Amino acid sequence: MEGAKSMDTTEHLALIVEDDANVRGVLTLVLESAGWDVAVAPDGAIGCELAREHHPALVVTDLRMPRMTGIELARALTEDPRGAKIPIVAITSDGQALKSAAERSGLFEAVLTKPLAVDEFLAVIRRWWTDHPAD
């Protein structure tokens, strides 16, 4: 299991759930440069465990991963009262059909397509925090 920094504080903890190590690394750099503490998981099952244990302020998940997909992860988190308020941003490179299914699920604050536009990604996160400052 990959670890996390500053797991004792959840206020600025983002959990990245992504099976591609290169994408995890880029997302980690982007979020850390924006002031986030970051935890990472290489699949949805480990991501679900980390989210339940550490209650991150944000989850960024790939949609297609081994063991547990991003949609399955989002469902598991939103069914848990402690995880229901965590904003979840999905990312995918698998085309319009999967992106549309994720958008229709209502489980995600946003569904973004890889390769990510960093400015768009950070704007989605900032917009959520502006609209939900006390959540």
Protein backbone atom coordinates (compact mmCIF):
# COMPACT_ATOMS: atom_id res chain seq x y z
CA MET A 1 0.00 0.00 0.00
CA GLU A 2 1.25 3.44 -0.82
CA GLY A 3 1.38 5.85 2.07
CA ALA A 4 0.35 9.36 2.83
CA LYS A 5 1.76 12.49 4.37
CA SER A 6 0.12 14.33 7.22
CA MET A 7 -2.63 11.77 7.62
CA ASP A 8 -3.45 13.11 11.09
CA THR A 9 -5.13 16.16 9.55
CA THR A 10 -7.93 15.80 7.03
CA GLU A 11 -8.81 19.46 6.41
CA HIS A 12 -6.44 19.72 3.44
CA LEU A 13 -5.99 16.04 2.66
CA ALA A 14 -6.66 14.92 -0.90
CA LEU A 15 -6.80 11.22 -1.71
CA ILE A 16 -5.71 10.28 -5.24
CA VAL A 17 -6.95 6.86 -6.37
CA GLU A 18 -5.29 5.99 -9.67
CA ASP A 19 -3.72 2.79 -11.01
CA ASP A 20 -1.25 4.58 -13.32
CA ALA A 21 1.83 5.57 -11.29
CA ASN A 22 2.72 8.40 -13.70
CA VAL A 23 -0.73 9.98 -13.40
CA ARG A 24 -0.62 9.57 -9.59
CA GLY A 25 2.71 11.36 -9.57
CA VAL A 26 1.49 14.27 -11.70
CA LEU A 27 -1.70 14.68 -9.66
CA THR A 28 0.34 14.58 -6.45
CA LEU A 29 2.62 17.36 -7.70
CA VAL A 30 -0.31 19.48 -8.87
CA LEU A 31 -2.23 19.15 -5.60
CA GLU A 32 0.82 19.60 -3.36
CA SER A 33 1.76 22.76 -5.28
CA ALA A 34 -1.79 24.00 -4.60
CA GLY A 35 -1.31 23.49 -0.84
CA TRP A 36 -2.85 20.05 -0.32
CA ASP A 37 -1.50 17.15 1.69
CA VAL A 38 -1.82 14.06 -0.51
CA ALA A 39 -2.45 10.37 0.08
CA VAL A 40 -2.37 7.95 -2.83
CA ALA A 41 -3.85 4.55 -3.58
CA PRO A 42 -3.15 2.35 -6.61
CA ASP A 43 -6.69 0.95 -6.83
CA GLY A 44 -10.22 1.53 -5.63
CA ALA A 45 -10.18 -1.06 -2.86
CA ILE A 46 -7.14 0.49 -1.16
CA GLY A 47 -8.56 3.94 -1.83
CA CYS A 48 -11.79 2.99 -0.08
CA GLU A 49 -9.85 1.75 2.96
CA LEU A 50 -7.79 4.95 3.14
CA ALA A 51 -10.84 7.17 2.72
CA ARG A 52 -12.72 5.39 5.50
CA GLU A 53 -9.72 5.53 7.80
CA HIS A 54 -8.59 9.12 7.17
CA HIS A 55 -11.67 11.03 5.94
CA PRO A 56 -10.02 13.15 3.24
CA ALA A 57 -11.41 16.53 2.25
CA LEU A 58 -11.27 15.52 -1.44
CA VAL A 59 -11.06 12.31 -3.47
CA VAL A 60 -9.75 12.25 -7.04
CA THR A 61 -10.29 8.87 -8.68
CA ASP A 62 -9.75 7.19 -11.99
CA LEU A 63 -12.88 5.47 -13.26
CA ARG A 64 -11.35 2.25 -14.61
CA MET A 65 -9.09 0.46 -12.14
CA PRO A 66 -8.47 -3.09 -10.93
CA ARG A 67 -10.32 -4.52 -7.91
CA MET A 68 -12.78 -1.62 -7.56
CA THR A 69 -13.72 0.95 -10.18
CA GLY A 70 -14.06 4.65 -9.49
CA ILE A 71 -17.85 4.38 -9.69
CA GLU A 72 -17.83 1.50 -7.18
CA LEU A 73 -15.54 3.53 -4.92
CA ALA A 74 -17.82 6.58 -5.11
CA ARG A 75 -20.87 4.45 -4.32
CA ALA A 76 -19.14 2.87 -1.32
CA LEU A 77 -18.09 6.26 0.03
CA THR A 78 -21.45 7.96 -0.49
CA GLU A 79 -23.30 5.07 1.18
CA ASP A 80 -21.21 5.62 4.32
CA PRO A 81 -22.56 8.62 6.31
CA ARG A 82 -18.99 9.72 7.09
CA GLY A 83 -18.04 9.69 3.42
CA ALA A 84 -21.23 11.08 1.93
CA LYS A 85 -20.04 14.71 2.00
CA ILE A 86 -16.58 14.11 0.55
CA PRO A 87 -16.40 15.69 -2.92
CA ILE A 88 -15.23 13.19 -5.52
CA VAL A 89 -13.70 14.18 -8.85
CA ALA A 90 -13.47 11.44 -11.48
CA ILE A 91 -10.89 11.28 -14.23
CA THR A 92 -10.91 8.98 -17.24
CA SER A 93 -9.23 8.29 -20.53
CA ASP A 94 -11.78 5.66 -21.53
CA GLY A 95 -13.96 7.75 -23.79
CA GLN A 96 -17.35 9.32 -23.80
CA ALA A 97 -19.48 6.29 -22.81
CA LEU A 98 -17.79 5.78 -19.44
CA LYS A 99 -17.61 9.54 -18.83
CA SER A 100 -21.33 9.87 -19.57
CA ALA A 101 -22.20 6.97 -17.26
CA ALA A 102 -20.17 8.56 -14.46
CA GLU A 103 -21.83 11.95 -15.02
CA ARG A 104 -25.31 10.37 -14.96
CA SER A 105 -24.53 8.54 -11.72
CA GLY A 106 -24.63 11.80 -9.74
CA LEU A 107 -21.74 10.56 -7.60
CA PHE A 108 -19.09 13.04 -8.77
CA GLU A 109 -18.58 16.78 -8.46
CA ALA A 110 -16.97 16.62 -11.89
CA VAL A 111 -15.85 14.06 -14.46
CA LEU A 112 -12.72 15.13 -16.34
CA THR A 113 -11.00 13.55 -19.32
CA LYS A 114 -7.31 12.60 -19.44
CA PRO A 115 -4.98 14.08 -20.30
CA LEU A 116 -6.06 16.59 -17.68
CA ALA A 117 -5.87 20.30 -18.21
CA VAL A 118 -4.29 21.34 -14.91
CA ASP A 119 -6.04 24.73 -14.85
CA GLU A 120 -9.44 23.10 -15.38
CA PHE A 121 -8.74 20.48 -12.71
CA LEU A 122 -7.75 23.09 -10.12
CA ALA A 123 -10.68 25.33 -11.12
CA VAL A 124 -13.13 22.49 -10.41
CA ILE A 125 -11.66 22.02 -6.94
CA ARG A 126 -11.56 25.74 -6.17
CA ARG A 127 -15.14 26.19 -7.40
CA TRP A 128 -16.38 23.41 -5.12
CA TRP A 129 -14.64 24.94 -2.08
CA THR A 130 -15.97 28.40 -2.93
CA ASP A 131 -19.53 27.04 -3.17
CA HIS A 132 -19.20 24.84 -0.02
CA PRO A 133 -16.87 26.68 2.39
CA ALA A 134 -18.24 25.13 5.59
CA ASP A 135 -18.66 21.55 4.35
